[in-house]
Amino acid sequence: MRKLASILFCLIEDVIRHVSGPIGVRLRRFYYTRRFKKCGSNLSIAPGVSIDRPDCVSAGDWVLIDRNCVILAGPASEAGAIKEIANPECTAQPGEVIIGDRAHISIGCVIQGHGGVSIGDAFAASTGSLIYSLSNSLYTTKLGPVAAAGSPLARVRTPVAIGNNVWLGLHSVVIGNTIGDDCFIKPMSVVVSNIPANSIAGGNPAQREKERYRDATPPQVVP
């Protein structure tokens, strides 16, 4: 029964994925609000979006996922050893993707949540941004990136925690670690270490350059 249900869900998703216009948005909202683990109001998913294991995805209110984004949820297979680099700031379990309220994930972004990704409110990911929480082990994998008989695959789980009011610039990359509240990551930057709150950070690897706000008082959200 589970296999049949999985096949049915895949067929439905293939059909509704590319339906354009308001009808497509409504179809995808109707479907994913029932398939997501948790879902708030006013979800908007544009054409071309691919979501693996939507039952492992949570979204708040007013979340917009733009064209051709890819969300890869669900825990990684246990085909080989997995080393975890702990991140207590991440509230997502391995395989979970959590997105807060008022988020815009722009065109062509990838969120790989096999290691766990938690994102706060008022998040903005510019076009082509990439977030990864699991990767193959650089130091122990010798027989290629595909788990097969006789070639176990060693991986590293690096949970990602992104705070409130974080903006990722064009084509920025986040690999594990924590980005604190009120941060802006400059375009083309690569985050491989923690970024403290209220930072403008950039470079490869990304480093804090200066504070983002001089007045750290958070704005009031009008209901």
C-alpha atoms as a PDB file:
ATOM      1  CA  MET A   1       0.000   0.000   0.000  1.00  0.00           C
ATOM      2  CA  ARG A   2       2.828   2.430   0.810  1.00  0.00           C
ATOM      3  CA  LYS A   3       4.434   1.864  -2.582  1.00  0.00           C
ATOM      4  CA  LEU A   4       1.116   2.399  -4.342  1.00  0.00           C
ATOM      5  CA  ALA A   5       0.495   5.599  -2.371  1.00  0.00           C
ATOM      6  CA  SER A   6       4.006   6.818  -3.195  1.00  0.00           C
ATOM      7  CA  ILE A   7       3.473   6.167  -6.902  1.00  0.00           C
ATOM      8  CA  LEU A   8       0.130   7.992  -6.790  1.00  0.00           C
ATOM      9  CA  PHE A   9       1.637  11.008  -5.043  1.00  0.00           C
ATOM     10  CA  CYS A  10       4.466  11.147  -7.607  1.00  0.00           C
ATOM     11  CA  LEU A  11       1.965  11.082 -10.463  1.00  0.00           C
ATOM     12  CA  ILE A  12      -0.100  13.879  -8.909  1.00  0.00           C
ATOM     13  CA  GLU A  13       3.012  15.992  -8.331  1.00  0.00           C
ATOM     14  CA  ASP A  14       4.189  15.462 -11.911  1.00  0.00           C
ATOM     15  CA  VAL A  15       0.802  16.653 -13.172  1.00  0.00           C
ATOM     16  CA  ILE A  16       0.446  19.761 -11.007  1.00  0.00           C
ATOM     17  CA  ARG A  17       4.119  20.821 -11.076  1.00  0.00           C
ATOM     18  CA  HIS A  18       3.950  22.645 -14.392  1.00  0.00           C
ATOM     19  CA  VAL A  19       0.395  24.013 -14.348  1.00  0.00           C
ATOM     20  CA  SER A  20       0.757  27.775 -14.795  1.00  0.00           C
ATOM     21  CA  GLY A  21      -1.311  30.735 -13.656  1.00  0.00           C
ATOM     22  CA  PRO A  22      -3.641  31.087 -10.669  1.00  0.00           C
ATOM     23  CA  ILE A  23      -5.097  27.610 -11.219  1.00  0.00           C
ATOM     24  CA  GLY A  24      -1.657  26.037 -10.810  1.00  0.00           C
ATOM     25  CA  VAL A  25      -0.976  28.005  -7.625  1.00  0.00           C
ATOM     26  CA  ARG A  26      -4.308  26.903  -6.161  1.00  0.00           C
ATOM     27  CA  LEU A  27      -3.785  23.271  -7.129  1.00  0.00           C
ATOM     28  CA  ARG A  28      -0.352  23.163  -5.535  1.00  0.00           C
ATOM     29  CA  ARG A  29      -1.577  24.984  -2.432  1.00  0.00           C
ATOM     30  CA  PHE A  30      -4.456  22.541  -2.039  1.00  0.00           C
ATOM     31  CA  TYR A  31      -2.144  19.556  -2.470  1.00  0.00           C
ATOM     32  CA  TYR A  32       0.885  20.604  -0.418  1.00  0.00           C
ATOM     33  CA  THR A  33      -1.034  22.050   2.522  1.00  0.00           C
ATOM     34  CA  ARG A  34      -2.242  18.481   3.005  1.00  0.00           C
ATOM     35  CA  ARG A  35       1.070  16.792   2.245  1.00  0.00           C
ATOM     36  CA  PHE A  36       3.403  19.012   4.293  1.00  0.00           C
ATOM     37  CA  LYS A  37       4.112  17.980   7.861  1.00  0.00           C
ATOM     38  CA  LYS A  38       2.837  21.425   8.910  1.00  0.00           C
ATOM     39  CA  CYS A  39       1.616  24.277   6.763  1.00  0.00           C
ATOM     40  CA  GLY A  40       0.383  27.777   7.486  1.00  0.00           C
ATOM     41  CA  SER A  41      -1.861  29.997   5.402  1.00  0.00           C
ATOM     42  CA  ASN A  42      -1.263  31.559   1.980  1.00  0.00           C
ATOM     43  CA  LEU A  43       1.319  29.076   0.708  1.00  0.00           C
ATOM     44  CA  SER A  44       2.335  29.904  -2.868  1.00  0.00           C
ATOM     45  CA  ILE A  45       4.340  27.482  -5.016  1.00  0.00           C
ATOM     46  CA  ALA A  46       5.279  28.537  -8.552  1.00  0.00           C
ATOM     47  CA  PRO A  47       5.522  26.201 -11.557  1.00  0.00           C
ATOM     48  CA  GLY A  48       8.498  23.870 -11.839  1.00  0.00           C
ATOM     49  CA  VAL A  49       9.102  23.420  -8.101  1.00  0.00           C
ATOM     50  CA  SER A  50      10.229  19.920  -7.088  1.00  0.00           C
ATOM     51  CA  ILE A  51       9.746  18.766  -3.494  1.00  0.00           C
ATOM     52  CA  ASP A  52      10.988  15.360  -2.330  1.00  0.00           C
ATOM     53  CA  ARG A  53       9.272  13.955   0.762  1.00  0.00           C
ATOM     54  CA  PRO A  54       6.864  16.844   1.399  1.00  0.00           C
ATOM     55  CA  ASP A  55       5.751  15.003   4.543  1.00  0.00           C
ATOM     56  CA  CYS A  56       9.095  16.107   6.046  1.00  0.00           C
ATOM     57  CA  VAL A  57       8.596  19.797   5.177  1.00  0.00           C
ATOM     58  CA  SER A  58       7.007  22.441   7.437  1.00  0.00           C
ATOM     59  CA  ALA A  59       6.088  25.937   6.245  1.00  0.00           C
ATOM     60  CA  GLY A  60       4.684  28.932   8.093  1.00  0.00           C
ATOM     61  CA  ASP A  61       2.299  31.639   6.862  1.00  0.00           C
ATOM     62  CA  TRP A  62       2.896  33.524   3.609  1.00  0.00           C
ATOM     63  CA  VAL A  63       5.646  31.308   2.205  1.00  0.00           C
ATOM     64  CA  LEU A  64       6.478  31.801  -1.480  1.00  0.00           C
ATOM     65  CA  ILE A  65       8.550  29.157  -3.260  1.00  0.00           C
ATOM     66  CA  ASP A  66       9.466  30.486  -6.674  1.00  0.00           C
ATOM     67  CA  ARG A  67       9.985  28.804 -10.048  1.00  0.00           C
ATOM     68  CA  ASN A  68      12.220  25.767 -10.432  1.00  0.00           C
ATOM     69  CA  CYS A  69      13.273  25.514  -6.795  1.00  0.00           C
ATOM     70  CA  VAL A  70      14.252  22.103  -5.445  1.00  0.00           C
ATOM     71  CA  ILE A  71      13.611  21.000  -1.861  1.00  0.00           C
ATOM     72  CA  LEU A  72      15.141  17.647  -0.928  1.00  0.00           C
ATOM     73  CA  ALA A  73      13.706  16.428   2.373  1.00  0.00           C
ATOM     74  CA  GLY A  74      13.650  13.073   4.096  1.00  0.00           C
ATOM     75  CA  PRO A  75      16.460  11.357   6.036  1.00  0.00           C
ATOM     76  CA  ALA A  76      19.462  10.010   4.173  1.00  0.00           C
ATOM     77  CA  SER A  77      19.657   6.292   3.554  1.00  0.00           C
ATOM     78  CA  GLU A  78      21.739   4.347   6.042  1.00  0.00           C
ATOM     79  CA  ALA A  79      23.869   2.779   3.319  1.00  0.00           C
ATOM     80  CA  GLY A  80      27.095   3.895   4.965  1.00  0.00           C
ATOM     81  CA  ALA A  81      28.597   5.595   7.984  1.00  0.00           C
ATOM     82  CA  ILE A  82      27.295   9.087   8.758  1.00  0.00           C
ATOM     83  CA  LYS A  83      29.318  11.453  10.903  1.00  0.00           C
ATOM     84  CA  GLU A  84      27.336  14.279  12.477  1.00  0.00           C
ATOM     85  CA  ILE A  85      28.701  17.721  13.238  1.00  0.00           C
ATOM     86  CA  ALA A  86      26.319  18.842  15.969  1.00  0.00           C
ATOM     87  CA  ASN A  87      24.392  22.085  15.608  1.00  0.00           C
ATOM     88  CA  PRO A  88      22.158  22.663  18.653  1.00  0.00           C
ATOM     89  CA  GLU A  89      20.686  25.778  17.010  1.00  0.00           C
ATOM     90  CA  CYS A  90      18.991  23.674  14.333  1.00  0.00           C
ATOM     91  CA  THR A  91      15.468  22.753  15.420  1.00  0.00           C
ATOM     92  CA  ALA A  92      14.916  20.367  12.510  1.00  0.00           C
ATOM     93  CA  GLN A  93      15.430  16.633  12.811  1.00  0.00           C
ATOM     94  CA  PRO A  94      17.578  14.863  10.203  1.00  0.00           C
ATOM     95  CA  GLY A  95      15.605  14.917   6.985  1.00  0.00           C
ATOM     96  CA  GLU A  96      13.383  17.824   8.047  1.00  0.00           C
ATOM     97  CA  VAL A  97      13.090  21.209   6.356  1.00  0.00           C
ATOM     98  CA  ILE A  98      11.392  23.907   8.454  1.00  0.00           C
ATOM     99  CA  ILE A  99      10.568  27.297   6.898  1.00  0.00           C
ATOM    100  CA  GLY A 100       9.161  30.142   9.007  1.00  0.00           C
ATOM    101  CA  ASP A 101       6.609  32.858   8.205  1.00  0.00           C
ATOM    102  CA  ARG A 102       6.910  35.413   5.380  1.00  0.00           C
ATOM    103  CA  ALA A 103       9.652  33.614   3.443  1.00  0.00           C
ATOM    104  CA  HIS A 104      10.540  34.030  -0.221  1.00  0.00           C
ATOM    105  CA  ILE A 105      12.692  31.335  -1.790  1.00  0.00           C
ATOM    106  CA  SER A 106      13.580  32.731  -5.178  1.00  0.00           C
ATOM    107  CA  ILE A 107      14.062  31.167  -8.607  1.00  0.00           C
ATOM    108  CA  GLY A 108      16.265  28.101  -8.869  1.00  0.00           C
ATOM    109  CA  CYS A 109      17.208  27.719  -5.195  1.00  0.00           C
ATOM    110  CA  VAL A 110      18.091  24.337  -3.702  1.00  0.00           C
ATOM    111  CA  ILE A 111      17.452  23.334  -0.080  1.00  0.00           C
ATOM    112  CA  GLN A 112      18.921  19.927   0.727  1.00  0.00           C
ATOM    113  CA  GLY A 113      17.523  18.918   4.092  1.00  0.00           C
ATOM    114  CA  HIS A 114      18.837  15.380   4.563  1.00  0.00           C
ATOM    115  CA  GLY A 115      20.840  16.584   7.551  1.00  0.00           C
ATOM    116  CA  GLY A 116      18.154  18.971   8.835  1.00  0.00           C
ATOM    117  CA  VAL A 117      17.472  22.614   7.909  1.00  0.00           C
ATOM    118  CA  SER A 118      15.588  25.115  10.089  1.00  0.00           C
ATOM    119  CA  ILE A 119      14.834  28.600   8.758  1.00  0.00           C
ATOM    120  CA  GLY A 120      13.294  31.447  10.767  1.00  0.00           C
ATOM    121  CA  ASP A 121      10.768  34.130   9.810  1.00  0.00           C
ATOM    122  CA  ALA A 122      11.221  36.821   7.140  1.00  0.00           C
ATOM    123  CA  PHE A 123      13.742  34.762   5.165  1.00  0.00           C
ATOM    124  CA  ALA A 124      14.822  35.711   1.645  1.00  0.00           C
ATOM    125  CA  ALA A 125      16.922  33.504  -0.616  1.00  0.00           C
ATOM    126  CA  SER A 126      17.940  35.196  -3.849  1.00  0.00           C
ATOM    127  CA  THR A 127      18.094  33.397  -7.181  1.00  0.00           C
ATOM    128  CA  GLY A 128      20.350  30.348  -7.261  1.00  0.00           C
ATOM    129  CA  SER A 129      21.053  30.155  -3.535  1.00  0.00           C
ATOM    130  CA  LEU A 130      22.056  26.709  -2.259  1.00  0.00           C
ATOM    131  CA  ILE A 131      21.646  25.245   1.244  1.00  0.00           C
ATOM    132  CA  TYR A 132      23.223  21.855   2.011  1.00  0.00           C
ATOM    133  CA  SER A 133      23.051  19.841   5.225  1.00  0.00           C
ATOM    134  CA  LEU A 134      24.608  16.515   4.141  1.00  0.00           C
ATOM    135  CA  SER A 135      27.600  15.729   1.967  1.00  0.00           C
ATOM    136  CA  ASN A 136      29.915  12.876   1.075  1.00  0.00           C
ATOM    137  CA  SER A 137      32.970  12.551   3.287  1.00  0.00           C
ATOM    138  CA  LEU A 138      36.007  14.049   1.610  1.00  0.00           C
ATOM    139  CA  TYR A 139      38.488  12.045   3.674  1.00  0.00           C
ATOM    140  CA  THR A 140      37.012   8.547   3.736  1.00  0.00           C
ATOM    141  CA  THR A 141      35.142   8.076   0.442  1.00  0.00           C
ATOM    142  CA  LYS A 142      37.396   6.414  -2.147  1.00  0.00           C
ATOM    143  CA  LEU A 143      35.082   4.373  -4.369  1.00  0.00           C
ATOM    144  CA  GLY A 144      32.889   7.105  -5.805  1.00  0.00           C
ATOM    145  CA  PRO A 145      29.751   8.961  -4.717  1.00  0.00           C
ATOM    146  CA  VAL A 146      27.276   6.116  -5.313  1.00  0.00           C
ATOM    147  CA  ALA A 147      26.503   3.594  -2.576  1.00  0.00           C
ATOM    148  CA  ALA A 148      26.769   0.133  -4.137  1.00  0.00           C
ATOM    149  CA  ALA A 149      27.635  -3.393  -3.097  1.00  0.00           C
ATOM    150  CA  GLY A 150      31.170  -3.454  -1.780  1.00  0.00           C
ATOM    151  CA  SER A 151      31.540   0.343  -1.806  1.00  0.00           C
ATOM    152  CA  PRO A 152      29.982   1.850   1.328  1.00  0.00           C
ATOM    153  CA  LEU A 153      29.471   5.588   1.198  1.00  0.00           C
ATOM    154  CA  ALA A 154      30.662   7.715   4.122  1.00  0.00           C
ATOM    155  CA  ARG A 155      28.858  11.012   4.635  1.00  0.00           C
ATOM    156  CA  VAL A 156      28.896  14.032   6.923  1.00  0.00           C
ATOM    157  CA  ARG A 157      25.699  15.478   8.373  1.00  0.00           C
ATOM    158  CA  THR A 158      25.926  19.242   8.919  1.00  0.00           C
ATOM    159  CA  PRO A 159      22.566  20.642  10.129  1.00  0.00           C
ATOM    160  CA  VAL A 160      21.767  24.207   9.073  1.00  0.00           C
ATOM    161  CA  ALA A 161      20.129  26.807  11.326  1.00  0.00           C
ATOM    162  CA  ILE A 162      19.095  30.147   9.818  1.00  0.00           C
ATOM    163  CA  GLY A 163      17.651  32.821  12.091  1.00  0.00           C
ATOM    164  CA  ASN A 164      14.972  35.470  11.545  1.00  0.00           C
ATOM    165  CA  ASN A 165      15.275  38.182   8.894  1.00  0.00           C
ATOM    166  CA  VAL A 166      18.165  36.550   7.051  1.00  0.00           C
ATOM    167  CA  TRP A 167      18.786  37.387   3.394  1.00  0.00           C
ATOM    168  CA  LEU A 168      20.958  35.264   1.128  1.00  0.00           C
ATOM    169  CA  GLY A 169      22.434  37.130  -1.850  1.00  0.00           C
ATOM    170  CA  LEU A 170      22.492  35.819  -5.413  1.00  0.00           C
ATOM    171  CA  HIS A 171      24.097  32.391  -5.811  1.00  0.00           C
ATOM    172  CA  SER A 172      25.261  32.218  -2.207  1.00  0.00           C
ATOM    173  CA  VAL A 173      26.010  28.807  -0.681  1.00  0.00           C
ATOM    174  CA  VAL A 174      25.373  27.610   2.872  1.00  0.00           C
ATOM    175  CA  ILE A 175      26.997  24.352   4.000  1.00  0.00           C
ATOM    176  CA  GLY A 176      26.026  23.513   7.571  1.00  0.00           C
ATOM    177  CA  ASN A 177      26.433  25.876  10.541  1.00  0.00           C
ATOM    178  CA  THR A 178      24.287  28.732  11.904  1.00  0.00           C
ATOM    179  CA  ILE A 179      23.437  32.145  10.489  1.00  0.00           C
ATOM    180  CA  GLY A 180      22.167  34.397  13.266  1.00  0.00           C
ATOM    181  CA  ASP A 181      19.192  36.762  13.164  1.00  0.00           C
ATOM    182  CA  ASP A 182      19.249  39.881  10.961  1.00  0.00           C
ATOM    183  CA  CYS A 183      22.102  38.794   8.685  1.00  0.00           C
ATOM    184  CA  PHE A 184      22.756  39.576   5.037  1.00  0.00           C
ATOM    185  CA  ILE A 185      25.010  37.209   3.100  1.00  0.00           C
ATOM    186  CA  LYS A 186      26.556  38.896   0.084  1.00  0.00           C
ATOM    187  CA  PRO A 187      26.134  37.424  -3.408  1.00  0.00           C
ATOM    188  CA  MET A 188      28.434  34.546  -4.383  1.00  0.00           C
ATOM    189  CA  SER A 189      29.489  33.951  -0.763  1.00  0.00           C
ATOM    190  CA  VAL A 190      30.111  30.514   0.759  1.00  0.00           C
ATOM    191  CA  VAL A 191      29.071  30.016   4.398  1.00  0.00           C
ATOM    192  CA  VAL A 192      31.099  27.250   6.055  1.00  0.00           C
ATOM    193  CA  SER A 193      31.192  28.603   9.621  1.00  0.00           C
ATOM    194  CA  ASN A 194      28.811  30.326  12.029  1.00  0.00           C
ATOM    195  CA  ILE A 195      27.825  33.907  11.188  1.00  0.00           C
ATOM    196  CA  PRO A 196      26.900  36.018  14.249  1.00  0.00           C
ATOM    197  CA  ALA A 197      23.621  37.915  14.420  1.00  0.00           C
ATOM    198  CA  ASN A 198      23.238  41.355  12.804  1.00  0.00           C
ATOM    199  CA  SER A 199      26.062  40.797  10.321  1.00  0.00           C
ATOM    200  CA  ILE A 200      26.808  41.610   6.736  1.00  0.00           C
ATOM    201  CA  ALA A 201      29.065  38.754   5.663  1.00  0.00           C
ATOM    202  CA  GLY A 202      30.741  37.908   2.390  1.00  0.00           C
ATOM    203  CA  GLY A 203      33.520  36.028   0.677  1.00  0.00           C
ATOM    204  CA  ASN A 204      34.694  32.438   0.344  1.00  0.00           C
ATOM    205  CA  PRO A 205      34.679  31.489   3.128  1.00  0.00           C
ATOM    206  CA  ALA A 206      32.118  34.060   4.264  1.00  0.00           C
ATOM    207  CA  GLN A 207      33.200  36.254   7.159  1.00  0.00           C
ATOM    208  CA  ARG A 208      31.543  39.069   9.063  1.00  0.00           C
ATOM    209  CA  GLU A 209      32.420  42.445   7.564  1.00  0.00           C
ATOM    210  CA  LYS A 210      30.245  44.828   9.566  1.00  0.00           C
ATOM    211  CA  GLU A 211      26.961  45.123  11.408  1.00  0.00           C
ATOM    212  CA  ARG A 212      23.788  45.255   9.356  1.00  0.00           C
ATOM    213  CA  TYR A 213      21.638  47.455  11.607  1.00  0.00           C
ATOM    214  CA  ARG A 214      22.822  50.140  13.980  1.00  0.00           C
ATOM    215  CA  ASP A 215      19.402  50.115  15.598  1.00  0.00           C
ATOM    216  CA  ALA A 216      18.867  46.472  16.575  1.00  0.00           C
ATOM    217  CA  THR A 217      15.237  47.026  17.634  1.00  0.00           C
ATOM    218  CA  PRO A 218      13.130  44.554  15.655  1.00  0.00           C
ATOM    219  CA  PRO A 219      10.284  46.033  13.568  1.00  0.00           C
ATOM    220  CA  GLN A 220       6.713  45.460  14.659  1.00  0.00           C
ATOM    221  CA  VAL A 221       4.695  43.128  12.460  1.00  0.00           C
ATOM    222  CA  VAL A 222       1.277  44.565  11.608  1.00  0.00           C
ATOM    223  CA  PRO A 223      -1.409  41.827  11.832  1.00  0.00           C
END
